[in-house]
Each structure stands twice: as structure tokens, then as C-alpha cells.
Amino acid sequence: MDRRSLLEMFSFGGKAEVPPPRQVRFAMVIDMRRCVGCQACTVACAMENRTPLGSQRTFVGDFEVLHEGRPRKVLAPRLCNHCQRPACVPACPVGATYQRADGLVLVDRGRCIGCGYCVLNCPYGARFLNRRAKAADKCSLCAHRLDAGLLPACVETCLGKARVVGDMNDPDSAVARLLAAYPRARVYKPEAGTEPRVFYVGLAEDEELPLENPARPGGLRVTEENFR
């Protein structure tokens, strides 16, 4: 090491090694033991995002499952999974569905043509065609609120504090701590290969997440009727 480098190392104006900034990756953890099925999240989301009557970006499904041979009620909050490898993004022919660097999967209504391909390609039934906006719609994890340093409306209003959102790449965040405490956290349809970033904890070892979507029995046909 030459004299100049040595002086730079010990001077106040020296060139310190600055680690690159960590990339934020938003995720949500839902503790199913805390959900009471009050639907406050559903109402708060509808008020915040002004979704059309009868359409929801998030809701709490009410299911009955067998546990040790006995029926048991399971409350399963549902929303867009903001997948690491979303199936909806490549399905969009005009690039209206896109993924931000922080992992949020969003819809550009100005570009959306309402073809419904993204709705059909979502393995989770988390999308719908907004009749009023004439475009695809879904949970945005309240990106506008996150960008302003606020929590999503559903998280802020959850009475049982069942929903937690944050940066899963930050080891000090509540989301990262929960995932570390529950390494067997579940996701919906892992076999779809989309790598969901909405995780569920609090289920018994032998219980599976209920798959049926009670809001859309029998699936969804994408027709002009969806826009009327």
C-alpha cells in the first residue's frame, strides 16, 4: 500500500467502503390463529380502493375442514400473492400488468385493454374485471400507501392483527422475524411455481390451506357481461 492510500484510509475524507443498498421485497404474513373473520379488511379495502359493488380485492373465506376426524372452522384471508414469478405478467399482451422492483405486481389501467387473460392465468382467482374502470383489478397491497410510508388499509384495520406486511429482505422487519420463527409457513398452490409472497402461519401440521374460492364458485367466464 502506498503512502497516498494509507493517508486516505485514516483521513476523514477517505473513501469508505459503502455496502450496496438492500433491495426491498414486500411480503405479507397472515397468522390464521388471529383472524376472527370480522371482514374489516374487506370493508377497508373496498373503501380505500373504491372497488365496484360485489367485487373484492381481498376477503376472508369461511371454510369447514376435517381435523382429526372432526369438522373445524377455518378462516382464510385471500388476496393477490404478489408472486416472485407471477403468471399474470407474461399473460398480459400489452404489458399493463407489471412487477415493480420491490416485488409488487400492479395493473396500469391506462394500458389495460380488458382482455381478461391475466384473470384466467392467475392460479389463485385473485383478479377480476372492474366494470367501472373497464380494466383488470386486484390487490395492489395499497402501493400508494406503502410509497407514502403507511400500512395497507387491510393491515391497519385488522382487529386481530393477523396481517403483517413489510420487507422480507430486512432481517429486523416483523415479516422476516415471523418467517424465521415459522420456517414451515404455507403458501397457496406452491406447485404452480409462482413463488407467492403471501405466507400463512398458524395451521396445524396436518392441515392444508383451503383452495376453493367462495367468492367465485365455479370459476369466472370472461365475457362482455363482466363489464356491464
Protein backbone atom coordinates (compact mmCIF):
# COMPACT_ATOMS: atom_id res chain seq x y z
CA MET A 1 0.00 0.00 0.00
CA ASP A 2 1.44 3.39 -0.99
CA ARG A 3 1.56 6.48 1.24
CA ARG A 4 -1.37 8.16 -0.50
CA SER A 5 -3.66 5.14 0.03
CA LEU A 6 -2.63 4.96 3.67
CA LEU A 7 -3.46 8.64 4.24
CA GLU A 8 -6.86 8.23 2.55
CA MET A 9 -7.67 5.31 4.80
CA PHE A 10 -7.14 7.25 8.02
CA SER A 11 -8.35 10.68 6.90
CA PHE A 12 -11.90 11.89 7.45
CA GLY A 13 -12.26 12.36 3.73
CA GLY A 14 -11.16 8.83 2.94
CA LYS A 15 -13.09 6.56 0.63
CA ALA A 16 -15.05 4.26 2.92
CA GLU A 17 -16.46 1.01 1.65
CA VAL A 18 -20.22 1.54 1.43
CA PRO A 19 -22.30 -1.62 1.05
CA PRO A 20 -24.84 -1.54 -1.79
CA PRO A 21 -28.39 -0.71 -0.70
CA ARG A 22 -30.55 -3.73 0.04
CA GLN A 23 -33.41 -4.30 -2.38
CA VAL A 24 -36.77 -4.06 -0.63
CA ARG A 25 -39.07 -7.05 -1.18
CA PHE A 26 -42.56 -6.57 0.21
CA ALA A 27 -44.39 -9.60 1.55
CA MET A 28 -47.29 -10.37 3.87
CA VAL A 29 -47.61 -12.92 6.67
CA ILE A 30 -51.10 -13.90 7.82
CA ASP A 31 -51.50 -15.55 11.22
CA MET A 32 -54.66 -17.61 10.84
CA ARG A 33 -54.94 -18.02 14.61
CA ARG A 34 -55.54 -14.30 14.95
CA CYS A 35 -58.15 -13.86 12.21
CA VAL A 36 -61.66 -13.56 13.67
CA GLY A 37 -63.50 -13.29 10.35
CA CYS A 38 -64.83 -9.81 11.01
CA GLN A 39 -64.26 -8.74 7.37
CA ALA A 40 -62.90 -5.36 8.50
CA CYS A 41 -60.10 -5.89 5.97
CA THR A 42 -62.62 -6.45 3.17
CA VAL A 43 -64.53 -3.27 4.00
CA ALA A 44 -61.39 -1.17 4.49
CA CYS A 45 -60.02 -2.31 1.14
CA ALA A 46 -63.29 -1.52 -0.63
CA MET A 47 -63.39 1.96 0.91
CA GLU A 48 -59.72 2.69 0.21
CA ASN A 49 -59.71 1.45 -3.38
CA ARG A 50 -63.38 2.10 -4.29
CA THR A 51 -63.95 -1.30 -5.82
CA PRO A 52 -67.30 -1.92 -7.56
CA LEU A 53 -70.11 -3.42 -5.52
CA GLY A 54 -69.79 -7.20 -5.49
CA SER A 55 -66.06 -7.27 -6.31
CA GLN A 56 -63.31 -7.57 -3.72
CA ARG A 57 -59.56 -7.22 -3.84
CA THR A 58 -59.37 -9.12 -0.57
CA PHE A 59 -61.81 -11.10 1.55
CA VAL A 60 -61.90 -13.69 4.30
CA GLY A 61 -63.15 -17.09 3.20
CA ASP A 62 -65.13 -19.12 5.74
CA PHE A 63 -64.41 -22.84 5.39
CA GLU A 64 -65.14 -26.03 7.30
CA VAL A 65 -62.39 -28.67 7.22
CA LEU A 66 -61.85 -32.01 8.88
CA HIS A 67 -59.23 -32.06 11.63
CA GLU A 68 -58.60 -35.35 13.44
CA GLY A 69 -61.94 -36.62 12.14
CA ARG A 70 -63.90 -33.62 13.38
CA PRO A 71 -65.14 -30.57 11.49
CA ARG A 72 -63.33 -27.35 12.25
CA LYS A 73 -63.93 -23.82 11.04
CA VAL A 74 -61.05 -22.21 9.17
CA LEU A 75 -60.92 -18.53 8.25
CA ALA A 76 -58.67 -17.93 5.26
CA PRO A 77 -57.89 -14.32 4.23
CA ARG A 78 -57.30 -14.16 0.48
CA LEU A 79 -55.67 -11.58 -1.76
CA CYS A 80 -53.17 -11.27 -4.60
CA ASN A 81 -50.00 -13.17 -3.65
CA HIS A 82 -47.62 -10.69 -5.35
CA CYS A 83 -45.67 -13.70 -6.56
CA GLN A 84 -41.96 -13.71 -7.24
CA ARG A 85 -42.72 -15.30 -10.62
CA PRO A 86 -46.25 -14.08 -11.39
CA ALA A 87 -48.15 -15.95 -14.08
CA CYS A 88 -50.24 -12.87 -14.85
CA VAL A 89 -47.35 -10.68 -16.05
CA PRO A 90 -46.34 -12.68 -19.14
CA ALA A 91 -50.02 -13.38 -19.90
CA CYS A 92 -50.76 -9.68 -20.50
CA PRO A 93 -50.41 -8.91 -24.24
CA VAL A 94 -49.91 -5.16 -23.74
CA GLY A 95 -47.68 -5.03 -20.65
CA ALA A 96 -50.40 -3.50 -18.48
CA THR A 97 -49.68 -5.98 -15.67
CA TYR A 98 -46.14 -5.48 -14.42
CA GLN A 99 -43.91 -6.12 -11.42
CA ARG A 100 -42.06 -3.40 -9.56
CA ALA A 101 -38.52 -3.82 -8.25
CA ASP A 102 -39.94 -4.20 -4.73
CA GLY A 103 -41.99 -7.20 -5.85
CA LEU A 104 -45.43 -5.60 -6.03
CA VAL A 105 -47.50 -6.77 -9.00
CA LEU A 106 -49.64 -3.92 -10.32
CA VAL A 107 -52.01 -3.04 -13.16
CA ASP A 108 -51.60 0.03 -15.37
CA ARG A 109 -55.23 0.88 -16.10
CA GLY A 110 -54.19 3.27 -18.83
CA ARG A 111 -52.72 0.39 -20.84
CA CYS A 112 -55.11 -2.41 -19.90
CA ILE A 113 -57.49 -3.43 -22.71
CA GLY A 114 -59.69 -5.64 -20.53
CA CYS A 115 -58.97 -8.86 -22.41
CA GLY A 116 -59.04 -10.88 -19.18
CA TYR A 117 -56.01 -13.05 -19.97
CA CYS A 118 -54.41 -12.16 -16.64
CA VAL A 119 -57.63 -13.07 -14.81
CA LEU A 120 -57.66 -16.50 -16.41
CA ASN A 121 -53.95 -17.12 -15.84
CA CYS A 122 -53.92 -16.27 -12.13
CA PRO A 123 -53.84 -19.64 -10.31
CA TYR A 124 -55.42 -18.08 -7.21
CA GLY A 125 -58.54 -16.39 -8.55
CA ALA A 126 -57.21 -13.11 -7.16
CA ARG A 127 -58.13 -10.93 -10.15
CA PHE A 128 -61.38 -9.64 -11.57
CA LEU A 129 -62.55 -7.33 -14.34
CA ASN A 130 -63.51 -3.95 -12.95
CA ARG A 131 -66.75 -2.95 -14.68
CA ARG A 132 -66.34 0.69 -13.80
CA ALA A 133 -62.68 1.06 -14.80
CA LYS A 134 -63.02 -1.28 -17.80
CA ALA A 135 -59.77 -2.93 -16.74
CA ALA A 136 -58.35 -5.79 -14.73
CA ASP A 137 -58.29 -5.20 -10.99
CA LYS A 138 -56.61 -6.81 -7.99
CA CYS A 139 -54.95 -6.14 -4.65
CA SER A 140 -52.05 -3.72 -5.03
CA LEU A 141 -51.01 -4.14 -1.39
CA CYS A 142 -52.01 -0.47 -1.26
CA ALA A 143 -48.86 0.53 -3.13
CA HIS A 144 -49.86 4.19 -2.85
CA ARG A 145 -49.91 3.89 0.93
CA LEU A 146 -46.65 1.93 1.14
CA ASP A 147 -44.97 4.57 -1.03
CA ALA A 148 -46.14 7.18 1.49
CA GLY A 149 -44.81 5.19 4.45
CA LEU A 150 -48.24 3.92 5.52
CA LEU A 151 -49.58 0.42 6.04
CA PRO A 152 -52.09 -1.13 3.63
CA ALA A 153 -55.69 -0.44 4.62
CA CYS A 154 -56.38 -4.09 5.42
CA VAL A 155 -53.38 -4.32 7.75
CA GLU A 156 -54.21 -1.08 9.53
CA THR A 157 -57.79 -2.11 10.25
CA CYS A 158 -57.26 -5.79 11.14
CA LEU A 159 -58.74 -6.17 14.63
CA GLY A 160 -56.80 -9.32 15.45
CA LYS A 161 -53.50 -8.05 13.97
CA ALA A 162 -53.49 -11.15 11.79
CA ARG A 163 -51.94 -9.38 8.80
CA VAL A 164 -48.35 -8.21 8.86
CA VAL A 165 -46.64 -6.58 5.89
CA GLY A 166 -43.05 -5.49 5.43
CA ASP A 167 -39.70 -6.03 3.77
CA MET A 168 -38.85 -9.73 3.91
CA ASN A 169 -35.23 -8.90 2.97
CA ASP A 170 -34.82 -6.87 6.15
CA PRO A 171 -33.96 -9.33 8.94
CA ASP A 172 -35.22 -6.86 11.54
CA SER A 173 -38.68 -6.46 9.99
CA ALA A 174 -41.71 -8.09 11.58
CA VAL A 175 -42.31 -10.11 8.41
CA ALA A 176 -38.77 -11.51 8.35
CA ARG A 177 -38.92 -12.35 12.06
CA LEU A 178 -42.21 -14.20 11.62
CA LEU A 179 -40.86 -16.19 8.67
CA ALA A 180 -37.77 -17.07 10.70
CA ALA A 181 -39.96 -18.19 13.62
CA TYR A 182 -42.22 -20.25 11.33
CA PRO A 183 -39.97 -21.86 8.71
CA ARG A 184 -42.89 -24.07 7.63
CA ALA A 185 -45.12 -21.13 6.71
CA ARG A 186 -47.59 -22.14 4.00
CA VAL A 187 -48.34 -20.57 0.65
CA TYR A 188 -51.21 -21.23 -1.71
CA LYS A 189 -50.57 -23.70 -4.55
CA PRO A 190 -46.76 -23.98 -4.34
CA GLU A 191 -46.96 -26.47 -7.21
CA ALA A 192 -47.93 -23.59 -9.53
CA GLY A 193 -44.30 -22.44 -9.42
CA THR A 194 -45.17 -18.76 -8.93
CA GLU A 195 -43.44 -18.42 -5.54
CA PRO A 196 -46.17 -16.48 -3.67
CA ARG A 197 -45.12 -13.80 -1.24
CA VAL A 198 -48.21 -14.04 0.99
CA PHE A 199 -47.44 -16.56 3.72
CA TYR A 200 -49.78 -18.26 6.18
CA VAL A 201 -48.89 -19.41 9.69
CA GLY A 202 -50.95 -20.93 12.48
CA LEU A 203 -52.31 -24.04 10.77
CA ALA A 204 -51.93 -27.48 12.34
CA GLU A 205 -49.25 -29.70 10.83
CA ASP A 206 -51.76 -31.97 9.09
CA GLU A 207 -53.99 -29.16 7.81
CA GLU A 208 -53.86 -27.73 4.32
CA LEU A 209 -54.92 -24.30 3.16
CA PRO A 210 -58.48 -24.47 1.75
CA LEU A 211 -58.31 -23.97 -2.00
CA GLU A 212 -61.87 -23.24 -3.07
CA ASN A 213 -62.62 -19.58 -3.67
CA PRO A 214 -66.08 -18.95 -2.15
CA ALA A 215 -66.32 -15.56 -3.85
CA ARG A 216 -66.18 -17.13 -7.30
CA PRO A 217 -67.89 -20.54 -7.23
CA GLY A 218 -67.49 -22.43 -10.47
CA GLY A 219 -64.79 -20.09 -11.77
CA LEU A 220 -65.10 -16.94 -13.86
CA ARG A 221 -66.08 -16.60 -17.51
CA VAL A 222 -64.52 -13.57 -19.12
CA THR A 223 -67.23 -12.04 -21.30
CA GLU A 224 -68.70 -8.65 -22.03
CA GLU A 225 -71.16 -9.31 -19.20
CA ASN A 226 -68.32 -8.77 -16.72
CA PHE A 227 -68.17 -5.13 -17.80
CA ARG A 228 -71.90 -4.38 -17.51
